[in-house]
């Protein structure tokens, strides 16, 4: 789970990281943590790649509320928890879609309860617990890996087919192939990457993914059969 800590005080950042590590160890969760010393640094070139942001309210340059407003323009899904010594900020926090706020000094009990709620919310949104972030017009979008039927490239545009939904972004098939490498995807031709879990049939020239029939290049026919059988062996 990818977490950003935005806090101007170094000792507080270290304490939050320590609390995260303790929570992760007690609950079997791995956190990938990035740290930012102010609101300006987290909003600069924001990519929407975090599941959770733990953010101080009072920071130099750009305060936490202003940073959250900027983040929400690009990312409506990320869960935000404010950390503050001023409870009056709570109402403002809800206006930017904050899940919760934790009062300083941070106690482990209050921290763990907030993190528990955040994780429940994140997992409810992405029940397969595996997803990637793609850039769309106006911001970023998180998409569950298991919801993807296939990805195809047309010119310099990538099209993610996920059930009835079609999501367009810029990129190359190699980029998305690398990102989906840990999962059960296979490139059936030079411009199409399929989810083996969604394959419902194949013949010597085509593969059926959901309701779509896609061409298989000559050099990929045998490797595709082997990949399908290996995948089925792994899930049975």
C-alpha atoms as a PDB file:
ATOM      1  CA  UNK A   1       0.000   0.000   0.000  1.00  0.00           C
ATOM      2  CA  UNK A   2       1.468   3.330  -1.077  1.00  0.00           C
ATOM      3  CA  UNK A   3       1.451   6.055   1.569  1.00  0.00           C
ATOM      4  CA  UNK A   4       2.623   9.666   1.461  1.00  0.00           C
ATOM      5  CA  UNK A   5       3.522  11.559   4.624  1.00  0.00           C
ATOM      6  CA  UNK A   6       3.439  15.360   4.258  1.00  0.00           C
ATOM      7  CA  UNK A   7       4.777  16.936   7.437  1.00  0.00           C
ATOM      8  CA  UNK A   8       7.261  19.779   7.902  1.00  0.00           C
ATOM      9  CA  UNK A   9       8.672  18.533  11.217  1.00  0.00           C
ATOM     10  CA  UNK A  10      11.261  15.803  10.721  1.00  0.00           C
ATOM     11  CA  UNK A  11      10.739  14.170  14.112  1.00  0.00           C
ATOM     12  CA  UNK A  12       6.977  13.960  13.478  1.00  0.00           C
ATOM     13  CA  UNK A  13       7.532  12.392  10.047  1.00  0.00           C
ATOM     14  CA  UNK A  14       9.774   9.802  11.650  1.00  0.00           C
ATOM     15  CA  UNK A  15       7.202   9.117  14.355  1.00  0.00           C
ATOM     16  CA  UNK A  16       4.403   8.651  11.797  1.00  0.00           C
ATOM     17  CA  UNK A  17       6.599   6.289   9.795  1.00  0.00           C
ATOM     18  CA  UNK A  18       7.367   4.329  12.969  1.00  0.00           C
ATOM     19  CA  UNK A  19       3.644   4.057  13.764  1.00  0.00           C
ATOM     20  CA  UNK A  20       2.945   2.875  10.231  1.00  0.00           C
ATOM     21  CA  UNK A  21       5.652   0.228  10.495  1.00  0.00           C
ATOM     22  CA  UNK A  22       4.221  -0.952  13.813  1.00  0.00           C
ATOM     23  CA  UNK A  23       0.706  -1.138  12.371  1.00  0.00           C
ATOM     24  CA  UNK A  24       1.971  -2.988   9.311  1.00  0.00           C
ATOM     25  CA  UNK A  25       3.895  -5.507  11.402  1.00  0.00           C
ATOM     26  CA  UNK A  26       0.876  -6.164  13.628  1.00  0.00           C
ATOM     27  CA  UNK A  27      -1.558  -6.530  10.732  1.00  0.00           C
ATOM     28  CA  UNK A  28       0.546  -8.075   7.968  1.00  0.00           C
ATOM     29  CA  UNK A  29       0.439  -5.034   5.682  1.00  0.00           C
ATOM     30  CA  UNK A  30       3.370  -3.695   3.670  1.00  0.00           C
ATOM     31  CA  UNK A  31       3.547   0.088   3.311  1.00  0.00           C
ATOM     32  CA  UNK A  32       5.617   1.863   0.666  1.00  0.00           C
ATOM     33  CA  UNK A  33       6.214   5.268   2.222  1.00  0.00           C
ATOM     34  CA  UNK A  34       7.197   8.561   0.580  1.00  0.00           C
ATOM     35  CA  UNK A  35       7.940  11.646   2.685  1.00  0.00           C
ATOM     36  CA  UNK A  36       7.386  15.336   1.908  1.00  0.00           C
ATOM     37  CA  UNK A  37       8.468  18.298   4.021  1.00  0.00           C
ATOM     38  CA  UNK A  38       5.708  20.682   2.892  1.00  0.00           C
ATOM     39  CA  UNK A  39       2.507  20.947   0.883  1.00  0.00           C
ATOM     40  CA  UNK A  40       4.293  22.396  -2.110  1.00  0.00           C
ATOM     41  CA  UNK A  41       6.523  19.365  -2.624  1.00  0.00           C
ATOM     42  CA  UNK A  42       3.691  16.821  -2.556  1.00  0.00           C
ATOM     43  CA  UNK A  43       1.517  18.775  -5.005  1.00  0.00           C
ATOM     44  CA  UNK A  44       4.341  19.472  -7.468  1.00  0.00           C
ATOM     45  CA  UNK A  45       4.075  16.959 -10.313  1.00  0.00           C
ATOM     46  CA  UNK A  46       1.449  14.987  -8.368  1.00  0.00           C
ATOM     47  CA  UNK A  47       0.795  11.688 -10.161  1.00  0.00           C
ATOM     48  CA  UNK A  48      -2.081  10.165  -8.206  1.00  0.00           C
ATOM     49  CA  UNK A  49      -0.002   7.128  -7.269  1.00  0.00           C
ATOM     50  CA  UNK A  50      -0.841   7.030  -3.540  1.00  0.00           C
ATOM     51  CA  UNK A  51      -3.516   5.078  -1.711  1.00  0.00           C
ATOM     52  CA  UNK A  52      -3.293   7.174   1.435  1.00  0.00           C
ATOM     53  CA  UNK A  53      -1.934  10.616   2.328  1.00  0.00           C
ATOM     54  CA  UNK A  54      -1.184  11.538   5.944  1.00  0.00           C
ATOM     55  CA  UNK A  55      -0.913  15.308   5.933  1.00  0.00           C
ATOM     56  CA  UNK A  56      -0.128  17.999   8.461  1.00  0.00           C
ATOM     57  CA  UNK A  57      -2.408  21.015   8.239  1.00  0.00           C
ATOM     58  CA  UNK A  58       0.023  23.745   9.213  1.00  0.00           C
ATOM     59  CA  UNK A  59       3.025  23.694   6.885  1.00  0.00           C
ATOM     60  CA  UNK A  60       5.129  26.417   5.240  1.00  0.00           C
ATOM     61  CA  UNK A  61       4.791  27.436   1.587  1.00  0.00           C
ATOM     62  CA  UNK A  62       1.565  25.483   0.961  1.00  0.00           C
ATOM     63  CA  UNK A  63      -0.548  24.403   3.947  1.00  0.00           C
ATOM     64  CA  UNK A  64      -2.250  21.031   4.143  1.00  0.00           C
ATOM     65  CA  UNK A  65      -5.732  22.282   3.244  1.00  0.00           C
ATOM     66  CA  UNK A  66      -4.504  24.083   0.138  1.00  0.00           C
ATOM     67  CA  UNK A  67      -2.428  21.047  -0.833  1.00  0.00           C
ATOM     68  CA  UNK A  68      -5.460  18.783  -0.446  1.00  0.00           C
ATOM     69  CA  UNK A  69      -7.531  21.089  -2.671  1.00  0.00           C
ATOM     70  CA  UNK A  70      -4.884  20.823  -5.400  1.00  0.00           C
ATOM     71  CA  UNK A  71      -4.630  17.059  -5.007  1.00  0.00           C
ATOM     72  CA  UNK A  72      -8.391  16.655  -5.317  1.00  0.00           C
ATOM     73  CA  UNK A  73      -8.317  18.352  -8.727  1.00  0.00           C
ATOM     74  CA  UNK A  74      -6.243  15.451 -10.044  1.00  0.00           C
ATOM     75  CA  UNK A  75      -7.207  12.581  -7.756  1.00  0.00           C
ATOM     76  CA  UNK A  76     -10.691  12.068  -6.329  1.00  0.00           C
ATOM     77  CA  UNK A  77      -9.929   8.625  -4.940  1.00  0.00           C
ATOM     78  CA  UNK A  78      -6.894   8.976  -2.683  1.00  0.00           C
ATOM     79  CA  UNK A  79      -7.732   8.735   1.016  1.00  0.00           C
ATOM     80  CA  UNK A  80      -6.573  11.746   3.042  1.00  0.00           C
ATOM     81  CA  UNK A  81      -6.093  11.880   6.807  1.00  0.00           C
ATOM     82  CA  UNK A  82      -5.066  15.178   8.401  1.00  0.00           C
ATOM     83  CA  UNK A  83      -2.717  15.343  11.358  1.00  0.00           C
ATOM     84  CA  UNK A  84      -3.074  18.528  13.361  1.00  0.00           C
ATOM     85  CA  UNK A  85      -2.967  20.094  16.812  1.00  0.00           C
ATOM     86  CA  UNK A  86      -6.022  22.234  16.009  1.00  0.00           C
ATOM     87  CA  UNK A  87      -9.351  20.315  15.996  1.00  0.00           C
ATOM     88  CA  UNK A  88     -11.166  23.278  14.417  1.00  0.00           C
ATOM     89  CA  UNK A  89      -9.649  22.243  11.087  1.00  0.00           C
ATOM     90  CA  UNK A  90     -11.795  19.097  11.029  1.00  0.00           C
ATOM     91  CA  UNK A  91     -14.770  20.734   9.291  1.00  0.00           C
ATOM     92  CA  UNK A  92     -12.524  22.230   6.603  1.00  0.00           C
ATOM     93  CA  UNK A  93     -10.949  18.811   6.162  1.00  0.00           C
ATOM     94  CA  UNK A  94     -14.261  17.208   5.302  1.00  0.00           C
ATOM     95  CA  UNK A  95     -14.769  19.800   2.564  1.00  0.00           C
ATOM     96  CA  UNK A  96     -11.788  18.334   0.690  1.00  0.00           C
ATOM     97  CA  UNK A  97     -12.977  14.785   1.262  1.00  0.00           C
ATOM     98  CA  UNK A  98     -10.704  13.944   4.187  1.00  0.00           C
ATOM     99  CA  UNK A  99     -11.576  10.657   5.836  1.00  0.00           C
ATOM    100  CA  UNK A 100     -10.401  11.637   9.297  1.00  0.00           C
ATOM    101  CA  UNK A 101      -8.079  13.813  11.331  1.00  0.00           C
ATOM    102  CA  UNK A 102      -5.650  12.818  14.092  1.00  0.00           C
ATOM    103  CA  UNK A 103      -4.708  15.194  16.886  1.00  0.00           C
ATOM    104  CA  UNK A 104      -1.101  15.805  17.882  1.00  0.00           C
ATOM    105  CA  UNK A 105       0.646  14.445  19.823  1.00  0.00           C
ATOM    106  CA  UNK A 106      -0.268  11.299  17.913  1.00  0.00           C
ATOM    107  CA  UNK A 107      -1.186   8.294  20.036  1.00  0.00           C
ATOM    108  CA  UNK A 108      -0.880   4.824  18.584  1.00  0.00           C
ATOM    109  CA  UNK A 109      -4.489   3.970  19.443  1.00  0.00           C
ATOM    110  CA  UNK A 110      -5.963   6.962  17.594  1.00  0.00           C
ATOM    111  CA  UNK A 111      -3.541   6.433  14.724  1.00  0.00           C
ATOM    112  CA  UNK A 112      -4.322   2.726  14.365  1.00  0.00           C
ATOM    113  CA  UNK A 113      -8.077   3.341  14.401  1.00  0.00           C
ATOM    114  CA  UNK A 114      -7.785   5.915  11.606  1.00  0.00           C
ATOM    115  CA  UNK A 115      -5.501   3.684   9.548  1.00  0.00           C
ATOM    116  CA  UNK A 116      -7.917   0.777  10.008  1.00  0.00           C
ATOM    117  CA  UNK A 117     -10.786   2.889   8.614  1.00  0.00           C
ATOM    118  CA  UNK A 118      -8.623   4.094   5.741  1.00  0.00           C
ATOM    119  CA  UNK A 119      -7.583   0.578   4.742  1.00  0.00           C
ATOM    120  CA  UNK A 120     -11.192  -0.624   4.876  1.00  0.00           C
ATOM    121  CA  UNK A 121     -12.208   2.214   2.559  1.00  0.00           C
ATOM    122  CA  UNK A 122      -9.363   1.550   0.124  1.00  0.00           C
ATOM    123  CA  UNK A 123     -10.056  -2.180   0.000  1.00  0.00           C
ATOM    124  CA  UNK A 124     -13.780  -1.626  -0.513  1.00  0.00           C
ATOM    125  CA  UNK A 125     -12.948   0.494  -3.552  1.00  0.00           C
ATOM    126  CA  UNK A 126     -10.443  -2.035  -4.908  1.00  0.00           C
ATOM    127  CA  UNK A 127     -11.510  -5.450  -3.587  1.00  0.00           C
ATOM    128  CA  UNK A 128      -8.854  -7.329  -5.554  1.00  0.00           C
ATOM    129  CA  UNK A 129      -6.213  -5.204  -3.747  1.00  0.00           C
ATOM    130  CA  UNK A 130      -4.151  -4.972  -6.945  1.00  0.00           C
ATOM    131  CA  UNK A 131      -4.501  -1.996  -9.223  1.00  0.00           C
ATOM    132  CA  UNK A 132      -2.553   0.398 -11.364  1.00  0.00           C
ATOM    133  CA  UNK A 133      -2.755   4.157 -11.786  1.00  0.00           C
ATOM    134  CA  UNK A 134      -3.274   5.551 -15.273  1.00  0.00           C
ATOM    135  CA  UNK A 135      -3.360   9.159 -16.374  1.00  0.00           C
ATOM    136  CA  UNK A 136      -6.573  10.382 -17.962  1.00  0.00           C
ATOM    137  CA  UNK A 137      -7.737  13.767 -19.146  1.00  0.00           C
ATOM    138  CA  UNK A 138      -7.870  16.072 -16.145  1.00  0.00           C
ATOM    139  CA  UNK A 139      -6.070  13.831 -13.664  1.00  0.00           C
ATOM    140  CA  UNK A 140      -5.368  10.232 -12.711  1.00  0.00           C
ATOM    141  CA  UNK A 141      -7.441   7.089 -12.374  1.00  0.00           C
ATOM    142  CA  UNK A 142      -6.877   3.901 -10.382  1.00  0.00           C
ATOM    143  CA  UNK A 143      -8.121   0.736 -12.057  1.00  0.00           C
ATOM    144  CA  UNK A 144      -8.272  -2.746 -10.567  1.00  0.00           C
ATOM    145  CA  UNK A 145      -6.069  -5.243 -12.373  1.00  0.00           C
ATOM    146  CA  UNK A 146      -8.740  -7.949 -12.278  1.00  0.00           C
ATOM    147  CA  UNK A 147     -11.265  -5.622 -13.925  1.00  0.00           C
ATOM    148  CA  UNK A 148      -9.139  -5.270 -17.075  1.00  0.00           C
ATOM    149  CA  UNK A 149     -10.138  -7.509 -20.002  1.00  0.00           C
ATOM    150  CA  UNK A 150      -7.409  -6.323 -22.342  1.00  0.00           C
ATOM    151  CA  UNK A 151      -5.351  -3.319 -23.308  1.00  0.00           C
ATOM    152  CA  UNK A 152      -4.751  -2.263 -26.895  1.00  0.00           C
ATOM    153  CA  UNK A 153      -2.664   0.466 -28.456  1.00  0.00           C
ATOM    154  CA  UNK A 154      -3.856   2.535 -31.402  1.00  0.00           C
ATOM    155  CA  UNK A 155      -1.319   5.043 -32.692  1.00  0.00           C
ATOM    156  CA  UNK A 156       0.036   6.529 -29.431  1.00  0.00           C
ATOM    157  CA  UNK A 157      -3.091   5.962 -27.362  1.00  0.00           C
ATOM    158  CA  UNK A 158      -3.746   3.113 -24.947  1.00  0.00           C
ATOM    159  CA  UNK A 159      -7.272   1.796 -24.478  1.00  0.00           C
ATOM    160  CA  UNK A 160      -8.107  -0.175 -21.345  1.00  0.00           C
ATOM    161  CA  UNK A 161     -11.134  -2.408 -21.893  1.00  0.00           C
ATOM    162  CA  UNK A 162     -12.764  -3.183 -18.546  1.00  0.00           C
ATOM    163  CA  UNK A 163     -16.176  -4.751 -18.975  1.00  0.00           C
ATOM    164  CA  UNK A 164     -18.446  -2.114 -20.491  1.00  0.00           C
ATOM    165  CA  UNK A 165     -15.954   0.650 -19.703  1.00  0.00           C
ATOM    166  CA  UNK A 166     -13.313   1.993 -22.070  1.00  0.00           C
ATOM    167  CA  UNK A 167     -10.548   4.109 -20.553  1.00  0.00           C
ATOM    168  CA  UNK A 168      -8.172   6.052 -22.798  1.00  0.00           C
ATOM    169  CA  UNK A 169      -4.692   7.249 -21.932  1.00  0.00           C
ATOM    170  CA  UNK A 170      -1.381   7.988 -23.609  1.00  0.00           C
ATOM    171  CA  UNK A 171       1.486   5.513 -23.662  1.00  0.00           C
ATOM    172  CA  UNK A 172       3.013   2.475 -25.275  1.00  0.00           C
ATOM    173  CA  UNK A 173       2.115  -1.177 -24.997  1.00  0.00           C
ATOM    174  CA  UNK A 174       5.592  -1.820 -23.593  1.00  0.00           C
ATOM    175  CA  UNK A 175       4.928   0.581 -20.701  1.00  0.00           C
ATOM    176  CA  UNK A 176       1.735  -1.135 -19.649  1.00  0.00           C
ATOM    177  CA  UNK A 177       3.226  -4.591 -20.282  1.00  0.00           C
ATOM    178  CA  UNK A 178       5.986  -3.800 -17.782  1.00  0.00           C
ATOM    179  CA  UNK A 179       3.509  -2.472 -15.242  1.00  0.00           C
ATOM    180  CA  UNK A 180       1.277  -5.532 -15.545  1.00  0.00           C
ATOM    181  CA  UNK A 181       4.199  -7.971 -15.608  1.00  0.00           C
ATOM    182  CA  UNK A 182       3.543  -9.215 -12.024  1.00  0.00           C
ATOM    183  CA  UNK A 183       0.037 -10.263 -13.049  1.00  0.00           C
ATOM    184  CA  UNK A 184      -1.492 -12.765 -15.477  1.00  0.00           C
ATOM    185  CA  UNK A 185      -1.320 -10.808 -18.746  1.00  0.00           C
ATOM    186  CA  UNK A 186      -0.063 -11.944 -22.156  1.00  0.00           C
ATOM    187  CA  UNK A 187       0.690 -10.031 -25.352  1.00  0.00           C
ATOM    188  CA  UNK A 188      -1.202 -11.871 -28.088  1.00  0.00           C
ATOM    189  CA  UNK A 189       0.012  -9.518 -30.820  1.00  0.00           C
ATOM    190  CA  UNK A 190       2.226  -6.460 -30.997  1.00  0.00           C
ATOM    191  CA  UNK A 191      -0.580  -4.095 -30.025  1.00  0.00           C
ATOM    192  CA  UNK A 192      -2.724  -6.057 -27.579  1.00  0.00           C
ATOM    193  CA  UNK A 193      -2.234  -7.300 -24.020  1.00  0.00           C
ATOM    194  CA  UNK A 194      -4.861  -9.695 -22.675  1.00  0.00           C
ATOM    195  CA  UNK A 195      -5.880 -10.775 -19.188  1.00  0.00           C
ATOM    196  CA  UNK A 196      -5.568 -14.571 -19.111  1.00  0.00           C
ATOM    197  CA  UNK A 197      -8.248 -14.701 -16.414  1.00  0.00           C
ATOM    198  CA  UNK A 198     -10.753 -13.308 -18.931  1.00  0.00           C
ATOM    199  CA  UNK A 199      -9.982 -15.748 -21.760  1.00  0.00           C
ATOM    200  CA  UNK A 200     -13.064 -17.822 -22.605  1.00  0.00           C
ATOM    201  CA  UNK A 201     -11.732 -19.614 -25.677  1.00  0.00           C
ATOM    202  CA  UNK A 202      -9.207 -19.653 -28.498  1.00  0.00           C
ATOM    203  CA  UNK A 203      -8.497 -21.266 -31.848  1.00  0.00           C
ATOM    204  CA  UNK A 204      -5.526 -21.284 -34.186  1.00  0.00           C
ATOM    205  CA  UNK A 205      -5.940 -17.615 -35.187  1.00  0.00           C
ATOM    206  CA  UNK A 206      -7.940 -15.846 -32.479  1.00  0.00           C
ATOM    207  CA  UNK A 207      -8.463 -15.638 -28.743  1.00  0.00           C
ATOM    208  CA  UNK A 208     -11.784 -14.790 -27.109  1.00  0.00           C
ATOM    209  CA  UNK A 209     -11.529 -12.401 -24.175  1.00  0.00           C
ATOM    210  CA  UNK A 210     -14.906 -11.790 -22.587  1.00  0.00           C
ATOM    211  CA  UNK A 211     -17.153 -10.934 -25.545  1.00  0.00           C
ATOM    212  CA  UNK A 212     -14.292  -9.838 -27.802  1.00  0.00           C
ATOM    213  CA  UNK A 213     -12.434 -11.886 -30.394  1.00  0.00           C
ATOM    214  CA  UNK A 214      -8.838 -10.720 -30.831  1.00  0.00           C
ATOM    215  CA  UNK A 215      -6.234 -11.785 -33.390  1.00  0.00           C
ATOM    216  CA  UNK A 216      -3.193 -13.779 -32.322  1.00  0.00           C
ATOM    217  CA  UNK A 217       0.014 -13.245 -34.255  1.00  0.00           C
ATOM    218  CA  UNK A 218       1.651 -16.319 -35.773  1.00  0.00           C
ATOM    219  CA  UNK A 219       4.666 -16.240 -33.473  1.00  0.00           C
ATOM    220  CA  UNK A 220       2.458 -15.942 -30.370  1.00  0.00           C
ATOM    221  CA  UNK A 221       0.094 -18.869 -30.963  1.00  0.00           C
ATOM    222  CA  UNK A 222       2.047 -21.583 -29.185  1.00  0.00           C
ATOM    223  CA  UNK A 223       3.252 -19.316 -26.349  1.00  0.00           C
ATOM    224  CA  UNK A 224      -0.367 -18.228 -25.808  1.00  0.00           C
ATOM    225  CA  UNK A 225      -1.536 -21.836 -25.433  1.00  0.00           C
ATOM    226  CA  UNK A 226       1.271 -22.503 -22.992  1.00  0.00           C
ATOM    227  CA  UNK A 227       0.480 -19.341 -21.023  1.00  0.00           C
ATOM    228  CA  UNK A 228      -3.233 -20.238 -20.787  1.00  0.00           C
ATOM    229  CA  UNK A 229      -2.475 -23.768 -19.583  1.00  0.00           C
ATOM    230  CA  UNK A 230       0.104 -22.496 -17.077  1.00  0.00           C
ATOM    231  CA  UNK A 231      -2.407 -19.969 -15.752  1.00  0.00           C
ATOM    232  CA  UNK A 232      -5.146 -22.593 -15.416  1.00  0.00           C
ATOM    233  CA  UNK A 233      -2.766 -24.951 -13.645  1.00  0.00           C
ATOM    234  CA  UNK A 234      -1.948 -22.166 -11.213  1.00  0.00           C
ATOM    235  CA  UNK A 235      -5.547 -21.426 -10.260  1.00  0.00           C
ATOM    236  CA  UNK A 236      -6.833 -24.987 -10.012  1.00  0.00           C
END
